[in-house]
C-alpha atoms as a PDB file:
ATOM      1  CA  MET A   1     -13.628  49.233 -12.072  1.00  0.00           C
ATOM      2  CA  SER A   2     -13.470  47.845 -15.624  1.00  0.00           C
ATOM      3  CA  ALA A   3     -14.734  44.429 -16.684  1.00  0.00           C
ATOM      4  CA  SER A   4     -11.157  43.330 -17.284  1.00  0.00           C
ATOM      5  CA  GLU A   5     -10.470  43.619 -13.556  1.00  0.00           C
ATOM      6  CA  GLY A   6     -12.929  40.881 -12.603  1.00  0.00           C
ATOM      7  CA  ARG A   7     -11.109  38.198 -10.641  1.00  0.00           C
ATOM      8  CA  LEU A   8     -12.043  34.739  -9.402  1.00  0.00           C
ATOM      9  CA  VAL A   9     -10.148  33.771  -6.256  1.00  0.00           C
ATOM     10  CA  LEU A  10     -10.224  30.190  -4.965  1.00  0.00           C
ATOM     11  CA  VAL A  11      -9.936  30.331  -1.190  1.00  0.00           C
ATOM     12  CA  PRO A  12      -9.115  27.188   0.832  1.00  0.00           C
ATOM     13  CA  THR A  13     -10.948  26.845   4.135  1.00  0.00           C
ATOM     14  CA  PRO A  14     -10.005  24.736   7.186  1.00  0.00           C
ATOM     15  CA  LEU A  15     -10.542  20.979   7.176  1.00  0.00           C
ATOM     16  CA  GLY A  16     -11.619  21.196  10.797  1.00  0.00           C
ATOM     17  CA  ASN A  17      -9.295  23.511  12.700  1.00  0.00           C
ATOM     18  CA  ARG A  18     -10.163  27.168  12.249  1.00  0.00           C
ATOM     19  CA  GLU A  19      -6.610  28.204  13.058  1.00  0.00           C
ATOM     20  CA  ASP A  20      -5.676  26.892   9.604  1.00  0.00           C
ATOM     21  CA  LEU A  21      -7.477  29.787   7.907  1.00  0.00           C
ATOM     22  CA  SER A  22      -4.601  31.969   6.749  1.00  0.00           C
ATOM     23  CA  PRO A  23      -4.476  35.758   7.184  1.00  0.00           C
ATOM     24  CA  ARG A  24      -4.400  36.055   3.392  1.00  0.00           C
ATOM     25  CA  ALA A  25      -7.536  33.925   3.040  1.00  0.00           C
ATOM     26  CA  LEU A  26      -9.248  35.953   5.748  1.00  0.00           C
ATOM     27  CA  ARG A  27      -8.398  39.224   4.025  1.00  0.00           C
ATOM     28  CA  THR A  28      -9.521  37.908   0.643  1.00  0.00           C
ATOM     29  CA  LEU A  29     -12.897  36.849   2.021  1.00  0.00           C
ATOM     30  CA  ALA A  30     -13.357  40.170   3.794  1.00  0.00           C
ATOM     31  CA  GLU A  31     -12.595  42.127   0.608  1.00  0.00           C
ATOM     32  CA  ALA A  32     -14.608  39.964  -1.821  1.00  0.00           C
ATOM     33  CA  ASP A  33     -17.626  41.485  -3.545  1.00  0.00           C
ATOM     34  CA  LEU A  34     -19.243  38.054  -3.683  1.00  0.00           C
ATOM     35  CA  VAL A  35     -18.541  34.721  -1.974  1.00  0.00           C
ATOM     36  CA  ALA A  36     -19.589  31.677  -3.997  1.00  0.00           C
ATOM     37  CA  ALA A  37     -19.999  28.926  -1.406  1.00  0.00           C
ATOM     38  CA  GLU A  38     -20.762  25.220  -1.610  1.00  0.00           C
ATOM     39  CA  ASP A  39     -23.014  25.564   1.451  1.00  0.00           C
ATOM     40  CA  THR A  40     -23.870  29.156   2.334  1.00  0.00           C
ATOM     41  CA  ARG A  41     -25.083  28.179   5.805  1.00  0.00           C
ATOM     42  CA  HIS A  42     -21.853  26.364   6.654  1.00  0.00           C
ATOM     43  CA  THR A  43     -19.632  29.125   5.285  1.00  0.00           C
ATOM     44  CA  GLY A  44     -21.920  31.764   6.759  1.00  0.00           C
ATOM     45  CA  ARG A  45     -21.392  30.425  10.282  1.00  0.00           C
ATOM     46  CA  LEU A  46     -17.621  30.414   9.829  1.00  0.00           C
ATOM     47  CA  LEU A  47     -17.404  33.922   8.407  1.00  0.00           C
ATOM     48  CA  SER A  48     -19.985  35.390  10.780  1.00  0.00           C
ATOM     49  CA  ASP A  49     -17.918  34.179  13.733  1.00  0.00           C
ATOM     50  CA  LEU A  50     -14.957  35.988  12.158  1.00  0.00           C
ATOM     51  CA  GLY A  51     -16.915  39.204  11.722  1.00  0.00           C
ATOM     52  CA  ILE A  52     -17.269  38.883   7.933  1.00  0.00           C
ATOM     53  CA  LYS A  53     -20.716  39.300   6.360  1.00  0.00           C
ATOM     54  CA  PRO A  54     -20.378  39.138   2.579  1.00  0.00           C
ATOM     55  CA  ARG A  55     -22.895  38.748  -0.205  1.00  0.00           C
ATOM     56  CA  TYR A  56     -23.286  35.039  -1.000  1.00  0.00           C
ATOM     57  CA  LEU A  57     -23.959  32.931  -4.066  1.00  0.00           C
ATOM     58  CA  ALA A  58     -24.815  29.264  -3.481  1.00  0.00           C
ATOM     59  CA  PHE A  59     -22.544  27.294  -5.818  1.00  0.00           C
ATOM     60  CA  HIS A  60     -22.440  23.500  -5.608  1.00  0.00           C
ATOM     61  CA  GLU A  61     -22.515  20.426  -7.826  1.00  0.00           C
ATOM     62  CA  HIS A  62     -26.320  20.403  -8.051  1.00  0.00           C
ATOM     63  CA  ASN A  63     -26.724  24.000  -9.251  1.00  0.00           C
ATOM     64  CA  GLU A  64     -23.519  24.797 -11.164  1.00  0.00           C
ATOM     65  CA  ASP A  65     -25.327  24.969 -14.510  1.00  0.00           C
ATOM     66  CA  ARG A  66     -27.786  27.514 -13.152  1.00  0.00           C
ATOM     67  CA  GLN A  67     -25.360  29.578 -11.079  1.00  0.00           C
ATOM     68  CA  LEU A  68     -22.349  29.705 -13.391  1.00  0.00           C
ATOM     69  CA  PRO A  69     -23.855  32.499 -15.543  1.00  0.00           C
ATOM     70  CA  ARG A  70     -24.421  34.576 -12.392  1.00  0.00           C
ATOM     71  CA  LEU A  71     -20.828  34.057 -11.309  1.00  0.00           C
ATOM     72  CA  LEU A  72     -19.557  35.069 -14.756  1.00  0.00           C
ATOM     73  CA  GLU A  73     -21.844  38.102 -14.761  1.00  0.00           C
ATOM     74  CA  ALA A  74     -20.282  39.290 -11.503  1.00  0.00           C
ATOM     75  CA  LEU A  75     -16.806  38.852 -12.977  1.00  0.00           C
ATOM     76  CA  ALA A  76     -17.847  40.741 -16.114  1.00  0.00           C
ATOM     77  CA  GLU A  77     -18.910  43.626 -13.875  1.00  0.00           C
ATOM     78  CA  GLY A  78     -15.358  43.768 -12.523  1.00  0.00           C
ATOM     79  CA  LYS A  79     -16.138  42.140  -9.187  1.00  0.00           C
ATOM     80  CA  ARG A  80     -13.827  40.007  -7.050  1.00  0.00           C
ATOM     81  CA  VAL A  81     -15.501  36.659  -6.487  1.00  0.00           C
ATOM     82  CA  ALA A  82     -14.166  34.344  -3.768  1.00  0.00           C
ATOM     83  CA  LEU A  83     -14.993  30.674  -4.326  1.00  0.00           C
ATOM     84  CA  VAL A  84     -14.998  28.372  -1.288  1.00  0.00           C
ATOM     85  CA  SER A  85     -16.010  24.794  -0.546  1.00  0.00           C
ATOM     86  CA  ASP A  86     -17.155  23.439   2.808  1.00  0.00           C
ATOM     87  CA  ALA A  87     -13.599  22.410   3.693  1.00  0.00           C
ATOM     88  CA  GLY A  88     -10.264  22.324   1.930  1.00  0.00           C
ATOM     89  CA  THR A  89      -9.318  23.681  -1.478  1.00  0.00           C
ATOM     90  CA  PRO A  90     -12.090  24.254  -4.056  1.00  0.00           C
ATOM     91  CA  GLY A  91     -11.709  22.074  -7.125  1.00  0.00           C
ATOM     92  CA  ILE A  92     -10.146  19.158  -5.237  1.00  0.00           C
ATOM     93  CA  CYS A  93     -13.158  16.802  -5.172  1.00  0.00           C
ATOM     94  CA  ASP A  94     -15.330  19.889  -4.617  1.00  0.00           C
ATOM     95  CA  PRO A  95     -16.954  22.456  -6.930  1.00  0.00           C
ATOM     96  CA  GLY A  96     -14.451  24.743  -8.619  1.00  0.00           C
ATOM     97  CA  PHE A  97     -13.133  23.147 -11.799  1.00  0.00           C
ATOM     98  CA  ARG A  98     -15.952  24.366 -14.036  1.00  0.00           C
ATOM     99  CA  ALA A  99     -15.858  27.858 -12.564  1.00  0.00           C
ATOM    100  CA  VAL A 100     -12.121  28.126 -13.224  1.00  0.00           C
ATOM    101  CA  ARG A 101     -12.477  26.939 -16.819  1.00  0.00           C
ATOM    102  CA  ALA A 102     -15.386  29.270 -17.518  1.00  0.00           C
ATOM    103  CA  ALA A 103     -13.642  32.276 -15.956  1.00  0.00           C
ATOM    104  CA  LEU A 104     -10.465  31.650 -17.948  1.00  0.00           C
ATOM    105  CA  ALA A 105     -12.417  31.143 -21.174  1.00  0.00           C
ATOM    106  CA  ALA A 106     -14.152  34.487 -20.593  1.00  0.00           C
ATOM    107  CA  GLY A 107     -10.809  36.233 -20.150  1.00  0.00           C
ATOM    108  CA  HIS A 108     -10.969  36.817 -16.405  1.00  0.00           C
ATOM    109  CA  ALA A 109      -8.075  36.473 -13.980  1.00  0.00           C
ATOM    110  CA  VAL A 110      -8.023  33.423 -11.712  1.00  0.00           C
ATOM    111  CA  GLU A 111      -6.069  33.350  -8.467  1.00  0.00           C
ATOM    112  CA  VAL A 112      -5.621  30.307  -6.231  1.00  0.00           C
ATOM    113  CA  LEU A 113      -4.593  30.714  -2.609  1.00  0.00           C
ATOM    114  CA  PRO A 114      -2.498  27.878  -1.158  1.00  0.00           C
ATOM    115  CA  GLY A 115      -4.032  26.119   1.793  1.00  0.00           C
ATOM    116  CA  PRO A 116      -5.637  22.999   3.265  1.00  0.00           C
ATOM    117  CA  ALA A 117      -6.337  19.871   1.201  1.00  0.00           C
ATOM    118  CA  ALA A 118      -6.696  16.540   3.009  1.00  0.00           C
ATOM    119  CA  VAL A 119      -4.593  14.680   0.447  1.00  0.00           C
ATOM    120  CA  ILE A 120      -1.393  16.460   1.542  1.00  0.00           C
ATOM    121  CA  PRO A 121      -1.317  15.775   5.321  1.00  0.00           C
ATOM    122  CA  ALA A 122      -2.610  12.268   4.616  1.00  0.00           C
ATOM    123  CA  VAL A 123       0.204  11.255   2.276  1.00  0.00           C
ATOM    124  CA  VAL A 124       2.940  13.151   4.130  1.00  0.00           C
ATOM    125  CA  GLY A 125       1.869  11.800   7.536  1.00  0.00           C
ATOM    126  CA  SER A 126       1.394   8.260   6.268  1.00  0.00           C
ATOM    127  CA  GLY A 127       5.092   7.462   6.382  1.00  0.00           C
ATOM    128  CA  LEU A 128       4.833   5.981   2.890  1.00  0.00           C
ATOM    129  CA  PRO A 129       6.906   7.460   0.043  1.00  0.00           C
ATOM    130  CA  CYS A 130       5.461  10.803  -1.013  1.00  0.00           C
ATOM    131  CA  ASP A 131       8.084  12.067  -3.444  1.00  0.00           C
ATOM    132  CA  ARG A 132       5.906  10.546  -6.173  1.00  0.00           C
ATOM    133  CA  PHE A 133       2.229   9.819  -5.617  1.00  0.00           C
ATOM    134  CA  SER A 134      -1.064   9.790  -7.490  1.00  0.00           C
ATOM    135  CA  PHE A 135      -4.246  11.347  -6.156  1.00  0.00           C
ATOM    136  CA  GLU A 136      -7.324   9.516  -7.424  1.00  0.00           C
ATOM    137  CA  GLY A 137     -10.136  11.399  -5.679  1.00  0.00           C
ATOM    138  CA  TYR A 138     -13.117   9.433  -4.379  1.00  0.00           C
ATOM    139  CA  LEU A 139     -13.233   5.724  -5.079  1.00  0.00           C
ATOM    140  CA  PRO A 140     -16.075   4.612  -7.380  1.00  0.00           C
ATOM    141  CA  ARG A 141     -19.317   3.676  -5.667  1.00  0.00           C
ATOM    142  CA  LYS A 142     -19.996   0.554  -7.720  1.00  0.00           C
ATOM    143  CA  PRO A 143     -18.112  -2.574  -6.587  1.00  0.00           C
ATOM    144  CA  GLY A 144     -16.903  -3.497 -10.071  1.00  0.00           C
ATOM    145  CA  ALA A 145     -15.503  -0.050 -10.782  1.00  0.00           C
ATOM    146  CA  ARG A 146     -13.936   0.088  -7.326  1.00  0.00           C
ATOM    147  CA  ARG A 147     -12.237  -3.258  -7.878  1.00  0.00           C
ATOM    148  CA  ALA A 148     -10.960  -2.043 -11.259  1.00  0.00           C
ATOM    149  CA  ALA A 149      -9.485   1.057  -9.605  1.00  0.00           C
ATOM    150  CA  PHE A 150      -7.537  -1.158  -7.222  1.00  0.00           C
ATOM    151  CA  ALA A 151      -6.545  -3.613  -9.966  1.00  0.00           C
ATOM    152  CA  ALA A 152      -4.916  -0.684 -11.777  1.00  0.00           C
ATOM    153  CA  LEU A 153      -2.445  -0.478  -8.870  1.00  0.00           C
ATOM    154  CA  GLU A 154      -0.858  -3.814  -9.835  1.00  0.00           C
ATOM    155  CA  GLY A 155       2.772  -3.045 -10.608  1.00  0.00           C
ATOM    156  CA  GLU A 156       2.368   0.615  -9.606  1.00  0.00           C
ATOM    157  CA  THR A 157       5.329   1.856  -7.571  1.00  0.00           C
ATOM    158  CA  ARG A 158       3.866   5.237  -6.651  1.00  0.00           C
ATOM    159  CA  THR A 159       1.819   5.769  -3.518  1.00  0.00           C
ATOM    160  CA  ALA A 160      -1.885   6.149  -4.366  1.00  0.00           C
ATOM    161  CA  VAL A 161      -4.262   8.359  -2.398  1.00  0.00           C
ATOM    162  CA  PHE A 162      -8.051   8.052  -2.368  1.00  0.00           C
ATOM    163  CA  TYR A 163     -10.867   9.792  -0.531  1.00  0.00           C
ATOM    164  CA  GLU A 164     -13.542   7.467   0.847  1.00  0.00           C
ATOM    165  CA  THR A 165     -16.766   7.780   2.804  1.00  0.00           C
ATOM    166  CA  PRO A 166     -17.176   6.108   6.220  1.00  0.00           C
ATOM    167  CA  HIS A 167     -19.964   3.791   5.074  1.00  0.00           C
ATOM    168  CA  ARG A 168     -17.898   2.429   2.160  1.00  0.00           C
ATOM    169  CA  LEU A 169     -14.417   2.323   3.711  1.00  0.00           C
ATOM    170  CA  ALA A 170     -14.618  -1.237   5.076  1.00  0.00           C
ATOM    171  CA  ARG A 171     -15.919  -2.581   1.752  1.00  0.00           C
ATOM    172  CA  SER A 172     -13.167  -0.772  -0.127  1.00  0.00           C
ATOM    173  CA  LEU A 173     -10.469  -2.218   2.124  1.00  0.00           C
ATOM    174  CA  ALA A 174     -11.968  -5.687   1.697  1.00  0.00           C
ATOM    175  CA  ALA A 175     -11.855  -5.289  -2.093  1.00  0.00           C
ATOM    176  CA  LEU A 176      -8.236  -4.135  -1.934  1.00  0.00           C
ATOM    177  CA  ALA A 177      -7.311  -7.021   0.364  1.00  0.00           C
ATOM    178  CA  GLU A 178      -8.731  -9.546  -2.105  1.00  0.00           C
ATOM    179  CA  LEU A 179      -6.388  -8.285  -4.817  1.00  0.00           C
ATOM    180  CA  MET A 180      -3.227  -7.422  -2.885  1.00  0.00           C
ATOM    181  CA  PRO A 181      -3.529  -8.421   0.786  1.00  0.00           C
ATOM    182  CA  GLU A 182       0.053  -7.526   1.729  1.00  0.00           C
ATOM    183  CA  ARG A 183       0.093  -4.002   0.288  1.00  0.00           C
ATOM    184  CA  PRO A 184       0.936  -1.407   2.961  1.00  0.00           C
ATOM    185  CA  VAL A 185      -2.037   0.839   3.676  1.00  0.00           C
ATOM    186  CA  VAL A 186      -2.570   3.879   5.865  1.00  0.00           C
ATOM    187  CA  VAL A 187      -6.002   5.242   6.735  1.00  0.00           C
ATOM    188  CA  ALA A 188      -5.976   8.880   7.845  1.00  0.00           C
ATOM    189  CA  ARG A 189      -9.018   9.877   9.853  1.00  0.00           C
ATOM    190  CA  GLU A 190     -10.420  13.294  10.862  1.00  0.00           C
ATOM    191  CA  LEU A 191      -7.347  15.235   9.745  1.00  0.00           C
ATOM    192  CA  SER A 192      -6.636  18.439  11.704  1.00  0.00           C
ATOM    193  CA  LYS A 193      -9.515  17.677  14.077  1.00  0.00           C
ATOM    194  CA  LEU A 194      -9.589  16.627  17.718  1.00  0.00           C
ATOM    195  CA  HIS A 195      -9.753  12.898  16.944  1.00  0.00           C
ATOM    196  CA  GLU A 196      -7.156  12.807  14.156  1.00  0.00           C
ATOM    197  CA  GLU A 197      -5.683   9.317  13.712  1.00  0.00           C
ATOM    198  CA  TYR A 198      -3.497   7.327  11.331  1.00  0.00           C
ATOM    199  CA  TRP A 199      -4.119   3.598  11.137  1.00  0.00           C
ATOM    200  CA  ARG A 200      -1.311   1.571   9.555  1.00  0.00           C
ATOM    201  CA  GLY A 201      -1.222  -2.040   8.427  1.00  0.00           C
ATOM    202  CA  THR A 202      -1.474  -4.289   5.410  1.00  0.00           C
ATOM    203  CA  ALA A 203      -4.637  -4.207   3.336  1.00  0.00           C
ATOM    204  CA  ALA A 204      -5.679  -7.534   4.861  1.00  0.00           C
ATOM    205  CA  GLU A 205      -4.998  -6.398   8.440  1.00  0.00           C
ATOM    206  CA  LEU A 206      -6.962  -3.171   8.105  1.00  0.00           C
ATOM    207  CA  ALA A 207      -9.818  -4.882   6.262  1.00  0.00           C
ATOM    208  CA  ALA A 208     -10.143  -7.383   9.110  1.00  0.00           C
ATOM    209  CA  SER A 209      -9.882  -4.694  11.803  1.00  0.00           C
ATOM    210  CA  LEU A 210     -12.575  -2.504  10.269  1.00  0.00           C
ATOM    211  CA  ALA A 211     -14.950  -5.181   8.980  1.00  0.00           C
ATOM    212  CA  GLU A 212     -17.424  -4.866  11.856  1.00  0.00           C
ATOM    213  CA  ARG A 213     -16.419  -1.497  13.260  1.00  0.00           C
ATOM    214  CA  PRO A 214     -18.929   1.386  13.030  1.00  0.00           C
ATOM    215  CA  LEU A 215     -17.183   4.264  11.296  1.00  0.00           C
ATOM    216  CA  LYS A 216     -17.798   7.982  11.425  1.00  0.00           C
ATOM    217  CA  GLY A 217     -15.868  10.997  10.218  1.00  0.00           C
ATOM    218  CA  GLU A 218     -13.808  11.730   7.133  1.00  0.00           C
ATOM    219  CA  TYR A 219     -11.221   9.341   5.737  1.00  0.00           C
ATOM    220  CA  VAL A 220      -8.289   9.305   3.350  1.00  0.00           C
ATOM    221  CA  LEU A 221      -6.966   5.968   2.104  1.00  0.00           C
ATOM    222  CA  VAL A 222      -3.239   5.866   1.295  1.00  0.00           C
ATOM    223  CA  VAL A 223      -2.006   2.763  -0.539  1.00  0.00           C
ATOM    224  CA  GLY A 224       1.709   2.117  -0.761  1.00  0.00           C
ATOM    225  CA  GLY A 225       3.253   1.294  -4.110  1.00  0.00           C
ATOM    226  CA  GLU A 226       4.634  -2.100  -5.011  1.00  0.00           C
ATOM    227  CA  GLY A 227       7.696  -2.768  -2.874  1.00  0.00           C
ATOM    228  CA  ALA A 228       6.889  -0.093  -0.278  1.00  0.00           C
ATOM    229  CA  ALA A 229       7.119  -0.913   3.425  1.00  0.00           C
ATOM    230  CA  LEU A 230       5.197   0.345   6.434  1.00  0.00           C
ATOM    231  CA  PRO A 231       7.155   2.528   8.862  1.00  0.00           C
ATOM    232  CA  ALA A 232       5.156   1.109  11.780  1.00  0.00           C
ATOM    233  CA  ARG A 233       1.918  -0.691  12.532  1.00  0.00           C
ATOM    234  CA  ARG A 234      -1.048   0.801  14.329  1.00  0.00           C
ATOM    235  CA  LEU A 235      -4.353  -0.949  13.843  1.00  0.00           C
ATOM    236  CA  PRO A 236      -7.707   0.512  14.957  1.00  0.00           C
END
């Protein structure tokens, strides 16, 4: 195999339901010379249960600088490297962007398999317009920056989608409610998992409902654009 045949393949993994791992993704992981994983223990359990025991390279946000040369070395040797995150599509709020840029800059082929990403079922299932939407990733941690992110939605007609952690969700909804209390909002929880839910209401209604509620799991916050209307209400 020549160096020019090295290939980086981004492989989406299930958000929570293993049946969402496609046959193509399964075959790619089984045939990879190296699997670069955000958490080798997490990915190792998944692949071991599926009868796949590849060679691993730990590749996450805290070691990208150190591990990127090793990944590029494998590609230069003509190897097929599969890049996975803990859940969803690598590069979407997970490690992957820098690996793709570096591989392309070095002249290697990059292939991206279609598959799970929480933003898509969240916005499609929200019932809010999804023909045009913006995905903003995780909301800022600092209150001032978070408020500025919401203030930028003034006059915005597109649906906006954010990822948020359970311990910050209530504070984020409260900040949104201060600025635009009547904006339609949908919170998607635990997508593809046993306890999947969609909560629908105005920013003020959801902020009040979740103010004192202990929250666990993974959340996507979908904010309707100016003039959008909720299809239905379902508060927590």
